[in-house]
PDB file of N, CA and C in Angstrom:
ATOM      1  N   MET A   1     182.160  90.521  73.795  1.00  0.00           N
ATOM      2  CA  MET A   1     180.940  91.387  73.644  1.00  0.00           C
ATOM      3  C   MET A   1     181.327  92.506  72.777  1.00  0.00           C
ATOM      4  N   PHE A   2     180.767  93.312  71.883  1.00  0.00           N
ATOM      5  CA  PHE A   2     180.899  94.417  71.188  1.00  0.00           C
ATOM      6  C   PHE A   2     180.414  95.728  72.092  1.00  0.00           C
ATOM      7  N   ASP A   3     181.031  96.645  72.816  1.00  0.00           N
ATOM      8  CA  ASP A   3     180.739  97.505  73.502  1.00  0.00           C
ATOM      9  C   ASP A   3     180.110  99.329  72.480  1.00  0.00           C
ATOM     10  N   ASP A   4     178.936  99.273  72.496  1.00  0.00           N
ATOM     11  CA  ASP A   4     178.621 100.450  71.715  1.00  0.00           C
ATOM     12  C   ASP A   4     179.042 101.659  72.198  1.00  0.00           C
ATOM     13  N   ARG A   5     178.981 101.974  73.517  1.00  0.00           N
ATOM     14  CA  ARG A   5     179.762 103.298  73.812  1.00  0.00           C
ATOM     15  C   ARG A   5     181.070 103.344  73.309  1.00  0.00           C
ATOM     16  N   PHE A   6     181.715 102.285  73.385  1.00  0.00           N
ATOM     17  CA  PHE A   6     183.240 102.387  73.026  1.00  0.00           C
ATOM     18  C   PHE A   6     183.384 102.826  71.429  1.00  0.00           C
ATOM     19  N   PHE A   7     182.506 102.249  70.570  1.00  0.00           N
ATOM     20  CA  PHE A   7     182.554 102.318  69.256  1.00  0.00           C
ATOM     21  C   PHE A   7     181.877 103.704  68.892  1.00  0.00           C
ATOM     22  N   ASP A   8     180.921 104.419  69.735  1.00  0.00           N
ATOM     23  CA  ASP A   8     180.113 105.555  69.570  1.00  0.00           C
ATOM     24  C   ASP A   8     181.379 106.697  69.933  1.00  0.00           C
ATOM     25  N   ASP A   9     182.013 106.468  71.059  1.00  0.00           N
ATOM     26  CA  ASP A   9     183.073 107.375  71.333  1.00  0.00           C
ATOM     27  C   ASP A   9     184.276 107.140  70.087  1.00  0.00           C
ATOM     28  N   TRP A  10     184.609 106.323  69.582  1.00  0.00           N
ATOM     29  CA  TRP A  10     185.750 106.129  68.793  1.00  0.00           C
ATOM     30  C   TRP A  10     185.106 106.878  67.410  1.00  0.00           C
ATOM     31  N   LEU A  11     183.790 106.661  67.097  1.00  0.00           N
ATOM     32  CA  LEU A  11     183.295 107.282  65.754  1.00  0.00           C
ATOM     33  C   LEU A  11     183.250 108.793  65.820  1.00  0.00           C
ATOM     34  N   ASP A  12     182.841 109.137  66.973  1.00  0.00           N
ATOM     35  CA  ASP A  12     182.894 110.662  67.374  1.00  0.00           C
ATOM     36  C   ASP A  12     184.071 111.381  67.209  1.00  0.00           C
ATOM     37  N   THR A  13     185.256 110.730  67.674  1.00  0.00           N
ATOM     38  CA  THR A  13     186.367 111.108  67.683  1.00  0.00           C
ATOM     39  C   THR A  13     186.953 111.179  66.350  1.00  0.00           C
ATOM     40  N   GLN A  14     186.779 110.235  65.700  1.00  0.00           N
ATOM     41  CA  GLN A  14     187.155 110.252  64.201  1.00  0.00           C
ATOM     42  C   GLN A  14     186.387 111.266  63.260  1.00  0.00           C
ATOM     43  N   ALA A  15     185.151 111.077  63.510  1.00  0.00           N
ATOM     44  CA  ALA A  15     184.327 112.156  62.696  1.00  0.00           C
ATOM     45  C   ALA A  15     184.659 113.445  62.962  1.00  0.00           C
ATOM     46  N   GLN A  16     184.921 113.815  64.036  1.00  0.00           N
ATOM     47  CA  GLN A  16     185.304 115.274  64.365  1.00  0.00           C
ATOM     48  C   GLN A  16     186.732 115.781  63.828  1.00  0.00           C
ATOM     49  N   LYS A  17     187.728 114.706  63.759  1.00  0.00           N
ATOM     50  CA  LYS A  17     189.001 114.744  63.168  1.00  0.00           C
ATOM     51  C   LYS A  17     188.897 115.027  61.519  1.00  0.00           C
ATOM     52  N   VAL A  18     187.869 114.326  61.001  1.00  0.00           N
ATOM     53  CA  VAL A  18     187.569 114.342  59.542  1.00  0.00           C
ATOM     54  C   VAL A  18     187.031 115.944  59.308  1.00  0.00           C
ATOM     55  N   MET A  19     186.087 116.071  60.204  1.00  0.00           N
ATOM     56  CA  MET A  19     185.317 117.457  59.939  1.00  0.00           C
ATOM     57  C   MET A  19     186.342 118.711  60.111  1.00  0.00           C
ATOM     58  N   GLU A  20     187.109 118.421  61.015  1.00  0.00           N
ATOM     59  CA  GLU A  20     188.239 119.635  61.249  1.00  0.00           C
ATOM     60  C   GLU A  20     189.168 119.897  60.002  1.00  0.00           C
ATOM     61  N   GLN A  21     189.175 118.572  59.290  1.00  0.00           N
ATOM     62  CA  GLN A  21     190.065 118.671  58.041  1.00  0.00           C
ATOM     63  C   GLN A  21     189.360 119.067  56.829  1.00  0.00           C
ATOM     64  N   VAL A  22     188.034 119.004  56.934  1.00  0.00           N
ATOM     65  CA  VAL A  22     187.197 119.648  55.696  1.00  0.00           C
ATOM     66  C   VAL A  22     186.951 121.108  56.109  1.00  0.00           C
ATOM     67  N   ALA A  23     186.859 121.480  57.479  1.00  0.00           N
ATOM     68  CA  ALA A  23     186.632 122.815  57.773  1.00  0.00           C
ATOM     69  C   ALA A  23     187.966 123.550  57.434  1.00  0.00           C
ATOM     70  N   SER A  24     189.087 123.028  57.466  1.00  0.00           N
ATOM     71  CA  SER A  24     190.330 123.883  56.968  1.00  0.00           C
ATOM     72  C   SER A  24     190.557 123.743  55.635  1.00  0.00           C
ATOM     73  N   GLY A  25     189.954 122.998  54.776  1.00  0.00           N
ATOM     74  CA  GLY A  25     189.934 123.115  53.425  1.00  0.00           C
ATOM     75  C   GLY A  25     190.793 121.965  52.742  1.00  0.00           C
ATOM     76  N   GLN A  26     191.010 121.099  53.643  1.00  0.00           N
ATOM     77  CA  GLN A  26     192.100 119.866  53.228  1.00  0.00           C
ATOM     78  C   GLN A  26     191.384 118.807  52.662  1.00  0.00           C
ATOM     79  N   SER A  27     191.679 118.022  51.787  1.00  0.00           N
ATOM     80  CA  SER A  27     190.680 117.095  51.032  1.00  0.00           C
ATOM     81  C   SER A  27     190.822 115.622  52.179  1.00  0.00           C
ATOM     82  N   ILE A  28     189.929 114.925  51.863  1.00  0.00           N
ATOM     83  CA  ILE A  28     189.824 113.608  52.723  1.00  0.00           C
ATOM     84  C   ILE A  28     189.937 112.494  51.802  1.00  0.00           C
ATOM     85  N   SER A  29     190.530 111.557  52.566  1.00  0.00           N
ATOM     86  CA  SER A  29     190.584 110.073  51.896  1.00  0.00           C
ATOM     87  C   SER A  29     189.104 109.404  51.839  1.00  0.00           C
ATOM     88  N   PRO A  30     189.163 108.533  50.962  1.00  0.00           N
ATOM     89  CA  PRO A  30     187.827 107.566  50.842  1.00  0.00           C
ATOM     90  C   PRO A  30     187.576 107.061  52.178  1.00  0.00           C
ATOM     91  N   ASP A  31     188.585 106.593  53.008  1.00  0.00           N
ATOM     92  CA  ASP A  31     188.542 106.101  54.484  1.00  0.00           C
ATOM     93  C   ASP A  31     187.854 106.980  55.194  1.00  0.00           C
ATOM     94  N   GLN A  32     188.201 108.140  55.145  1.00  0.00           N
ATOM     95  CA  GLN A  32     187.758 109.358  55.849  1.00  0.00           C
ATOM     96  C   GLN A  32     186.461 109.563  55.630  1.00  0.00           C
ATOM     97  N   MET A  33     185.990 109.588  54.317  1.00  0.00           N
ATOM     98  CA  MET A  33     184.485 109.818  53.870  1.00  0.00           C
ATOM     99  C   MET A  33     183.751 108.598  54.406  1.00  0.00           C
ATOM    100  N   MET A  34     184.132 107.312  54.479  1.00  0.00           N
ATOM    101  CA  MET A  34     183.512 106.361  55.032  1.00  0.00           C
ATOM    102  C   MET A  34     183.127 106.690  56.467  1.00  0.00           C
ATOM    103  N   ILE A  35     184.048 107.360  57.151  1.00  0.00           N
ATOM    104  CA  ILE A  35     183.799 107.507  58.544  1.00  0.00           C
ATOM    105  C   ILE A  35     182.657 108.621  58.686  1.00  0.00           C
ATOM    106  N   LEU A  36     182.678 109.595  57.869  1.00  0.00           N
ATOM    107  CA  LEU A  36     181.489 110.582  57.745  1.00  0.00           C
ATOM    108  C   LEU A  36     180.245 109.733  57.441  1.00  0.00           C
ATOM    109  N   MET A  37     180.275 108.804  56.674  1.00  0.00           N
ATOM    110  CA  MET A  37     179.206 108.264  56.226  1.00  0.00           C
ATOM    111  C   MET A  37     178.407 107.326  57.195  1.00  0.00           C
ATOM    112  N   LEU A  38     179.611 106.653  57.910  1.00  0.00           N
ATOM    113  CA  LEU A  38     179.178 105.860  58.948  1.00  0.00           C
ATOM    114  C   LEU A  38     178.565 106.672  60.065  1.00  0.00           C
ATOM    115  N   LYS A  39     179.108 107.838  60.342  1.00  0.00           N
ATOM    116  CA  LYS A  39     178.767 108.717  61.347  1.00  0.00           C
ATOM    117  C   LYS A  39     177.332 109.274  61.167  1.00  0.00           C
ATOM    118  N   ALA A  40     177.052 109.650  59.918  1.00  0.00           N
ATOM    119  CA  ALA A  40     175.700 109.929  59.353  1.00  0.00           C
ATOM    120  C   ALA A  40     174.598 108.693  59.556  1.00  0.00           C
ATOM    121  N   GLN A  41     174.950 107.439  59.078  1.00  0.00           N
ATOM    122  CA  GLN A  41     174.240 106.401  59.457  1.00  0.00           C
ATOM    123  C   GLN A  41     173.799 106.241  60.878  1.00  0.00           C
ATOM    124  N   THR A  42     174.716 106.290  61.793  1.00  0.00           N
ATOM    125  CA  THR A  42     174.512 106.172  63.103  1.00  0.00           C
ATOM    126  C   THR A  42     173.538 107.101  63.482  1.00  0.00           C
ATOM    127  N   ASN A  43     173.763 108.317  63.268  1.00  0.00           N
ATOM    128  CA  ASN A  43     172.949 109.205  63.712  1.00  0.00           C
ATOM    129  C   ASN A  43     171.483 109.286  63.257  1.00  0.00           C
ATOM    130  N   HIS A  44     171.450 108.705  61.902  1.00  0.00           N
ATOM    131  CA  HIS A  44     170.113 108.435  61.365  1.00  0.00           C
ATOM    132  C   HIS A  44     169.387 107.245  61.988  1.00  0.00           C
ATOM    133  N   PHE A  45     170.301 106.080  62.396  1.00  0.00           N
ATOM    134  CA  PHE A  45     169.545 105.066  63.164  1.00  0.00           C
ATOM    135  C   PHE A  45     168.951 105.418  64.572  1.00  0.00           C
ATOM    136  N   ALA A  46     170.058 106.544  65.127  1.00  0.00           N
ATOM    137  CA  ALA A  46     169.490 107.058  66.335  1.00  0.00           C
ATOM    138  C   ALA A  46     168.439 107.793  66.253  1.00  0.00           C
ATOM    139  N   HIS A  47     168.123 108.490  65.375  1.00  0.00           N
ATOM    140  CA  HIS A  47     166.781 109.318  65.349  1.00  0.00           C
ATOM    141  C   HIS A  47     165.646 108.290  65.071  1.00  0.00           C
ATOM    142  N   LEU A  48     166.049 107.341  63.971  1.00  0.00           N
ATOM    143  CA  LEU A  48     164.930 106.339  63.977  1.00  0.00           C
ATOM    144  C   LEU A  48     164.563 105.613  65.039  1.00  0.00           C
ATOM    145  N   ASP A  49     165.576 105.281  65.894  1.00  0.00           N
ATOM    146  CA  ASP A  49     165.173 104.508  67.109  1.00  0.00           C
ATOM    147  C   ASP A  49     164.456 105.602  68.077  1.00  0.00           C
ATOM    148  N   VAL A  50     164.516 106.673  68.206  1.00  0.00           N
ATOM    149  CA  VAL A  50     163.855 107.549  68.943  1.00  0.00           C
ATOM    150  C   VAL A  50     162.359 107.775  68.424  1.00  0.00           C
ATOM    151  N   ASP A  51     162.073 107.879  67.119  1.00  0.00           N
ATOM    152  CA  ASP A  51     161.006 108.159  66.322  1.00  0.00           C
ATOM    153  C   ASP A  51     160.123 106.520  66.461  1.00  0.00           C
ATOM    154  N   LEU A  52     160.907 105.356  66.388  1.00  0.00           N
ATOM    155  CA  LEU A  52     160.183 104.241  66.650  1.00  0.00           C
ATOM    156  C   LEU A  52     159.914 103.904  68.096  1.00  0.00           C
ATOM    157  N   ARG A  53     160.505 104.611  68.985  1.00  0.00           N
ATOM    158  CA  ARG A  53     160.347 104.183  70.289  1.00  0.00           C
ATOM    159  C   ARG A  53     158.982 104.994  70.769  1.00  0.00           C
ATOM    160  N   GLY A  54     159.107 106.352  70.301  1.00  0.00           N
ATOM    161  CA  GLY A  54     157.874 107.347  70.405  1.00  0.00           C
ATOM    162  C   GLY A  54     156.476 106.736  69.627  1.00  0.00           C
ATOM    163  N   GLU A  55     156.524 106.066  68.376  1.00  0.00           N
ATOM    164  CA  GLU A  55     155.398 105.299  67.829  1.00  0.00           C
ATOM    165  C   GLU A  55     154.946 104.262  68.569  1.00  0.00           C
ATOM    166  N   MET A  56     155.974 103.503  69.186  1.00  0.00           N
ATOM    167  CA  MET A  56     155.473 102.062  70.033  1.00  0.00           C
ATOM    168  C   MET A  56     154.806 102.579  71.213  1.00  0.00           C
ATOM    169  N   LYS A  57     155.346 103.782  71.784  1.00  0.00           N
ATOM    170  CA  LYS A  57     154.482 104.201  73.044  1.00  0.00           C
ATOM    171  C   LYS A  57     153.224 104.648  72.643  1.00  0.00           C
ATOM    172  N   ALA A  58     153.141 105.483  71.438  1.00  0.00           N
ATOM    173  CA  ALA A  58     151.799 105.933  71.132  1.00  0.00           C
ATOM    174  C   ALA A  58     150.845 104.856  70.952  1.00  0.00           C
ATOM    175  N   LEU A  59     151.408 103.909  70.172  1.00  0.00           N
ATOM    176  CA  LEU A  59     150.448 102.464  69.784  1.00  0.00           C
ATOM    177  C   LEU A  59     150.256 101.856  71.059  1.00  0.00           C
ATOM    178  N   ARG A  60     151.096 101.751  71.905  1.00  0.00           N
ATOM    179  CA  ARG A  60     150.641 101.046  73.325  1.00  0.00           C
ATOM    180  C   ARG A  60     149.859 101.940  74.246  1.00  0.00           C
ATOM    181  N   GLU A  61     149.901 103.063  74.144  1.00  0.00           N
ATOM    182  CA  GLU A  61     148.699 103.817  74.858  1.00  0.00           C
ATOM    183  C   GLU A  61     147.374 103.625  73.994  1.00  0.00           C
ATOM    184  N   ASP A  62     147.379 103.883  72.714  1.00  0.00           N
ATOM    185  CA  ASP A  62     146.204 103.623  72.068  1.00  0.00           C
ATOM    186  C   ASP A  62     145.575 102.327  72.062  1.00  0.00           C
ATOM    187  N   MET A  63     146.398 101.229  72.389  1.00  0.00           N
ATOM    188  CA  MET A  63     145.904  99.884  72.518  1.00  0.00           C
ATOM    189  C   MET A  63     145.388  99.790  73.943  1.00  0.00           C
ATOM    190  N   ASP A  64     146.047 100.307  74.853  1.00  0.00           N
ATOM    191  CA  ASP A  64     145.557 100.176  76.302  1.00  0.00           C
ATOM    192  C   ASP A  64     144.163 101.230  76.191  1.00  0.00           C
ATOM    193  N   ARG A  65     144.158 101.970  75.607  1.00  0.00           N
ATOM    194  CA  ARG A  65     142.813 102.929  75.760  1.00  0.00           C
ATOM    195  C   ARG A  65     141.546 101.812  75.093  1.00  0.00           C
ATOM    196  N   ARG A  66     142.068 101.275  73.848  1.00  0.00           N
ATOM    197  CA  ARG A  66     140.932 100.571  73.202  1.00  0.00           C
ATOM    198  C   ARG A  66     140.551  99.550  74.148  1.00  0.00           C
ATOM    199  N   PHE A  67     141.650  98.828  74.823  1.00  0.00           N
ATOM    200  CA  PHE A  67     141.137  97.848  75.706  1.00  0.00           C
ATOM    201  C   PHE A  67     140.325  97.893  76.756  1.00  0.00           C
ATOM    202  N   GLU A  68     140.662  99.292  77.308  1.00  0.00           N
ATOM    203  CA  GLU A  68     139.643  99.783  78.396  1.00  0.00           C
ATOM    204  C   GLU A  68     138.207 100.002  77.874  1.00  0.00           C
ATOM    205  N   GLN A  69     137.998 100.516  76.739  1.00  0.00           N
ATOM    206  CA  GLN A  69     136.890 100.616  76.106  1.00  0.00           C
ATOM    207  C   GLN A  69     136.013  99.345  75.839  1.00  0.00           C
ATOM    208  N   VAL A  70     137.036  98.373  75.292  1.00  0.00           N
ATOM    209  CA  VAL A  70     136.289  96.972  75.209  1.00  0.00           C
ATOM    210  C   VAL A  70     136.075  96.204  76.595  1.00  0.00           C
ATOM    211  N   GLU A  71     136.837  96.552  77.529  1.00  0.00           N
ATOM    212  CA  GLU A  71     136.537  96.079  79.063  1.00  0.00           C
ATOM    213  C   GLU A  71     135.211  96.642  79.326  1.00  0.00           C
ATOM    214  N   LYS A  72     135.131  98.057  79.155  1.00  0.00           N
ATOM    215  CA  LYS A  72     133.832  98.759  79.790  1.00  0.00           C
ATOM    216  C   LYS A  72     132.511  98.211  78.895  1.00  0.00           C
ATOM    217  N   ARG A  73     132.745  97.653  77.485  1.00  0.00           N
ATOM    218  CA  ARG A  73     131.643  97.324  76.699  1.00  0.00           C
ATOM    219  C   ARG A  73     131.380  96.021  77.390  1.00  0.00           C
ATOM    220  N   PHE A  74     132.185  95.247  77.722  1.00  0.00           N
ATOM    221  CA  PHE A  74     131.909  93.798  78.247  1.00  0.00           C
ATOM    222  C   PHE A  74     131.186  94.078  79.480  1.00  0.00           C
ATOM    223  N   GLU A  75     131.763  94.947  80.275  1.00  0.00           N
ATOM    224  CA  GLU A  75     131.016  95.062  81.485  1.00  0.00           C
ATOM    225  C   GLU A  75     129.493  95.929  81.556  1.00  0.00           C
ATOM    226  N   GLN A  76     129.309  96.577  80.430  1.00  0.00           N
ATOM    227  CA  GLN A  76     127.865  96.810  80.096  1.00  0.00           C
ATOM    228  C   GLN A  76     127.188  95.826  79.597  1.00  0.00           C
ATOM    229  N   MET A  77     127.600  95.080  78.867  1.00  0.00           N
ATOM    230  CA  MET A  77     126.929  93.653  78.068  1.00  0.00           C
ATOM    231  C   MET A  77     126.626  92.820  79.317  1.00  0.00           C
ATOM    232  N   GLN A  78     127.673  92.633  80.346  1.00  0.00           N
ATOM    233  CA  GLN A  78     127.266  91.717  81.356  1.00  0.00           C
ATOM    234  C   GLN A  78     126.107  92.181  82.143  1.00  0.00           C
ATOM    235  N   LEU A  79     126.005  93.728  82.644  1.00  0.00           N
ATOM    236  CA  LEU A  79     124.995  94.043  83.367  1.00  0.00           C
ATOM    237  C   LEU A  79     123.499  94.082  82.524  1.00  0.00           C
ATOM    238  N   GLU A  80     123.447  94.017  81.427  1.00  0.00           N
ATOM    239  CA  GLU A  80     122.547  93.960  80.509  1.00  0.00           C
ATOM    240  C   GLU A  80     122.008  92.494  80.505  1.00  0.00           C
ATOM    241  N   THR A  81     123.100  91.583  80.419  1.00  0.00           N
ATOM    242  CA  THR A  81     122.612  89.918  80.595  1.00  0.00           C
ATOM    243  C   THR A  81     121.894  89.874  81.652  1.00  0.00           C
ATOM    244  N   VAL A  82     122.721  90.226  82.971  1.00  0.00           N
ATOM    245  CA  VAL A  82     122.098  90.022  84.251  1.00  0.00           C
ATOM    246  C   VAL A  82     120.697  90.532  84.318  1.00  0.00           C
ATOM    247  N   LYS A  83     120.464  91.530  83.860  1.00  0.00           N
ATOM    248  CA  LYS A  83     119.116  92.315  83.848  1.00  0.00           C
ATOM    249  C   LYS A  83     118.199  91.439  82.977  1.00  0.00           C
ATOM    250  N   ARG A  84     118.465  90.933  81.759  1.00  0.00           N
ATOM    251  CA  ARG A  84     117.645  90.128  81.081  1.00  0.00           C
ATOM    252  C   ARG A  84     117.315  88.847  81.847  1.00  0.00           C
ATOM    253  N   PHE A  85     118.437  88.195  82.515  1.00  0.00           N
ATOM    254  CA  PHE A  85     118.127  86.735  83.183  1.00  0.00           C
ATOM    255  C   PHE A  85     117.210  87.061  84.301  1.00  0.00           C
ATOM    256  N   GLU A  86     117.490  88.260  85.157  1.00  0.00           N
ATOM    257  CA  GLU A  86     116.512  88.598  86.056  1.00  0.00           C
ATOM    258  C   GLU A  86     114.920  88.742  85.675  1.00  0.00           C
ATOM    259  N   GLN A  87     114.913  89.504  84.518  1.00  0.00           N
ATOM    260  CA  GLN A  87     113.592  89.566  83.738  1.00  0.00           C
ATOM    261  C   GLN A  87     113.216  88.451  83.491  1.00  0.00           C
ATOM    262  N   VAL A  88     113.683  87.415  82.963  1.00  0.00           N
ATOM    263  CA  VAL A  88     113.312  85.886  82.597  1.00  0.00           C
ATOM    264  C   VAL A  88     112.925  85.368  83.592  1.00  0.00           C
ATOM    265  N   ASP A  89     113.759  85.427  84.800  1.00  0.00           N
ATOM    266  CA  ASP A  89     113.446  84.530  86.003  1.00  0.00           C
ATOM    267  C   ASP A  89     112.145  85.284  86.611  1.00  0.00           C
ATOM    268  N   LYS A  90     111.749  86.582  86.457  1.00  0.00           N
ATOM    269  CA  LYS A  90     110.448  87.045  87.152  1.00  0.00           C
ATOM    270  C   LYS A  90     109.453  86.471  86.123  1.00  0.00           C
ATOM    271  N   ARG A  91     109.815  86.343  84.933  1.00  0.00           N
ATOM    272  CA  ARG A  91     108.610  86.093  84.192  1.00  0.00           C
ATOM    273  C   ARG A  91     108.401  84.437  84.400  1.00  0.00           C
ATOM    274  N   PHE A  92     109.372  83.675  84.545  1.00  0.00           N
ATOM    275  CA  PHE A  92     109.402  82.336  84.825  1.00  0.00           C
ATOM    276  C   PHE A  92     108.542  81.822  86.284  1.00  0.00           C
ATOM    277  N   ASP A  93     108.899  82.766  87.450  1.00  0.00           N
ATOM    278  CA  ASP A  93     108.178  82.793  88.609  1.00  0.00           C
ATOM    279  C   ASP A  93     106.834  83.111  88.388  1.00  0.00           C
ATOM    280  N   GLN A  94     106.364  84.167  87.561  1.00  0.00           N
ATOM    281  CA  GLN A  94     105.052  84.506  87.333  1.00  0.00           C
ATOM    282  C   GLN A  94     104.329  83.301  86.655  1.00  0.00           C
ATOM    283  N   LEU A  95     105.122  82.664  85.588  1.00  0.00           N
ATOM    284  CA  LEU A  95     104.384  81.452  84.864  1.00  0.00           C
ATOM    285  C   LEU A  95     104.310  80.352  85.862  1.00  0.00           C
ATOM    286  N   THR A  96     104.980  80.253  86.886  1.00  0.00           N
ATOM    287  CA  THR A  96     104.772  79.240  87.988  1.00  0.00           C
ATOM    288  C   THR A  96     103.860  79.313  88.584  1.00  0.00           C
ATOM    289  N   SER A  97     103.750  80.424  89.165  1.00  0.00           N
ATOM    290  CA  SER A  97     102.574  80.927  89.958  1.00  0.00           C
ATOM    291  C   SER A  97     101.228  80.649  89.396  1.00  0.00           C
ATOM    292  N   ARG A  98     101.297  81.126  88.092  1.00  0.00           N
ATOM    293  CA  ARG A  98      99.881  81.075  87.344  1.00  0.00           C
ATOM    294  C   ARG A  98      99.641  79.479  87.276  1.00  0.00           C
ATOM    295  N   MET A  99     100.512  78.775  86.929  1.00  0.00           N
ATOM    296  CA  MET A  99     100.525  77.344  86.700  1.00  0.00           C
ATOM    297  C   MET A  99      99.869  76.641  87.893  1.00  0.00           C
ATOM    298  N   ASP A 100     100.486  77.076  89.130  1.00  0.00           N
ATOM    299  CA  ASP A 100     100.045  76.629  90.349  1.00  0.00           C
ATOM    300  C   ASP A 100      98.587  76.999  90.605  1.00  0.00           C
ATOM    301  N   HIS A 101      98.316  78.115  90.456  1.00  0.00           N
ATOM    302  CA  HIS A 101      96.936  78.457  90.464  1.00  0.00           C
ATOM    303  C   HIS A 101      95.785  77.855  89.483  1.00  0.00           C
ATOM    304  N   PHE A 102      96.456  77.639  88.496  1.00  0.00           N
ATOM    305  CA  PHE A 102      95.511  76.674  87.474  1.00  0.00           C
ATOM    306  C   PHE A 102      95.319  75.325  87.984  1.00  0.00           C
ATOM    307  N   MET A 103      96.428  74.533  88.413  1.00  0.00           N
ATOM    308  CA  MET A 103      96.504  73.285  88.987  1.00  0.00           C
ATOM    309  C   MET A 103      95.476  73.213  90.125  1.00  0.00           C
ATOM    310  N   ILE A 104      95.624  74.402  90.999  1.00  0.00           N
ATOM    311  CA  ILE A 104      94.657  74.244  92.150  1.00  0.00           C
ATOM    312  C   ILE A 104      93.168  74.456  91.666  1.00  0.00           C
ATOM    313  N   TRP A 105      92.959  75.381  90.915  1.00  0.00           N
ATOM    314  CA  TRP A 105      91.743  75.520  90.055  1.00  0.00           C
ATOM    315  C   TRP A 105      91.032  74.065  89.419  1.00  0.00           C
ATOM    316  N   SER A 106      92.029  73.499  88.730  1.00  0.00           N
ATOM    317  CA  SER A 106      91.726  72.229  88.133  1.00  0.00           C
ATOM    318  C   SER A 106      91.305  71.207  89.080  1.00  0.00           C
ATOM    319  N   PHE A 107      92.070  71.150  90.014  1.00  0.00           N
ATOM    320  CA  PHE A 107      92.092  70.063  91.106  1.00  0.00           C
ATOM    321  C   PHE A 107      90.442  70.304  91.838  1.00  0.00           C
ATOM    322  N   ALA A 108      90.396  71.430  92.212  1.00  0.00           N
ATOM    323  CA  ALA A 108      89.077  71.852  92.876  1.00  0.00           C
ATOM    324  C   ALA A 108      87.793  71.791  91.932  1.00  0.00           C
ATOM    325  N   THR A 109      87.922  72.111  90.517  1.00  0.00           N
ATOM    326  CA  THR A 109      86.947  71.892  89.661  1.00  0.00           C
ATOM    327  C   THR A 109      86.542  70.408  89.647  1.00  0.00           C
ATOM    328  N   THR A 110      87.721  69.623  89.365  1.00  0.00           N
ATOM    329  CA  THR A 110      87.649  68.100  89.135  1.00  0.00           C
ATOM    330  C   THR A 110      86.818  67.639  90.510  1.00  0.00           C
ATOM    331  N   LEU A 111      87.187  67.979  91.524  1.00  0.00           N
ATOM    332  CA  LEU A 111      86.286  67.423  92.820  1.00  0.00           C
ATOM    333  C   LEU A 111      85.158  67.953  92.820  1.00  0.00           C
ATOM    334  N   THR A 112      84.696  69.074  92.619  1.00  0.00           N
ATOM    335  CA  THR A 112      83.509  69.265  92.505  1.00  0.00           C
ATOM    336  C   THR A 112      82.593  68.748  91.487  1.00  0.00           C
ATOM    337  N   VAL A 113      83.105  68.654  90.285  1.00  0.00           N
ATOM    338  CA  VAL A 113      82.282  67.851  89.162  1.00  0.00           C
ATOM    339  C   VAL A 113      81.882  66.553  89.737  1.00  0.00           C
ATOM    340  N   GLY A 114      83.301  66.083  90.047  1.00  0.00           N
ATOM    341  CA  GLY A 114      83.051  64.671  90.727  1.00  0.00           C
ATOM    342  C   GLY A 114      82.219  64.381  91.838  1.00  0.00           C
ATOM    343  N   GLY A 115      82.010  65.300  92.797  1.00  0.00           N
ATOM    344  CA  GLY A 115      81.115  65.226  93.636  1.00  0.00           C
ATOM    345  C   GLY A 115      79.715  65.346  93.149  1.00  0.00           C
ATOM    346  N   ILE A 116      79.388  66.250  92.406  1.00  0.00           N
ATOM    347  CA  ILE A 116      78.154  66.348  91.780  1.00  0.00           C
ATOM    348  C   ILE A 116      77.755  65.132  90.920  1.00  0.00           C
ATOM    349  N   VAL A 117      78.833  64.602  90.159  1.00  0.00           N
ATOM    350  CA  VAL A 117      78.330  63.253  89.406  1.00  0.00           C
ATOM    351  C   VAL A 117      77.878  62.051  90.412  1.00  0.00           C
ATOM    352  N   ILE A 118      79.074  61.799  91.334  1.00  0.00           N
ATOM    353  CA  ILE A 118      78.544  60.970  92.504  1.00  0.00           C
ATOM    354  C   ILE A 118      77.008  61.165  93.170  1.00  0.00           C
ATOM    355  N   ALA A 119      76.901  62.423  93.445  1.00  0.00           N
ATOM    356  CA  ALA A 119      75.606  62.801  94.052  1.00  0.00           C
ATOM    357  C   ALA A 119      74.420  62.420  93.150  1.00  0.00           C
ATOM    358  N   ALA A 120      74.554  62.890  91.862  1.00  0.00           N
ATOM    359  CA  ALA A 120      73.562  62.625  90.947  1.00  0.00           C
ATOM    360  C   ALA A 120      73.401  60.902  90.767  1.00  0.00           C
ATOM    361  N   ILE A 121      74.496  60.414  90.569  1.00  0.00           N
ATOM    362  CA  ILE A 121      74.285  58.824  90.479  1.00  0.00           C
ATOM    363  C   ILE A 121      73.542  58.191  91.889  1.00  0.00           C
ATOM    364  N   LYS A 122      73.758  58.755  93.159  1.00  0.00           N
ATOM    365  CA  LYS A 122      73.219  58.352  94.346  1.00  0.00           C
ATOM    366  C   LYS A 122      71.932  58.618  94.327  1.00  0.00           C
ATOM    367  N   PHE A 123      71.228  59.683  93.837  1.00  0.00           N
ATOM    368  CA  PHE A 123      69.989  60.207  93.760  1.00  0.00           C
ATOM    369  C   PHE A 123      68.966  59.433  92.829  1.00  0.00           C
ATOM    370  N   LEU A 124      69.817  58.982  91.714  1.00  0.00           N
ATOM    371  CA  LEU A 124      68.835  58.317  90.652  1.00  0.00           C
ATOM    372  C   LEU A 124      68.652  57.012  90.660  1.00  0.00           C
TER     373      LEU A 124
END
């Protein structure tokens, strides 16, 4: 397996040597220039990694916040739905009660009219 720390240490050492040559005014070879380019790329990748991790963390926090808002909306909708069902249940109970009273009234009226009809037939 390739050890990143070993590579980073080697690249830092080599880049430092090349930079010392540049600072002293000496020319550098294409291989040494490649070392500097590789060091620049690894630095760039490291900064991109930090930026990407920061953006991912911000996105995750935003997503968590949005999920919390959605959960609150669902809870609110659930409460509203429960209230509506309770209202419908009360209306149903009222309707059932009214139907019971109407059935009692209808039965009583039928008995009364029936009694009147039977009495009228007996007396005629």
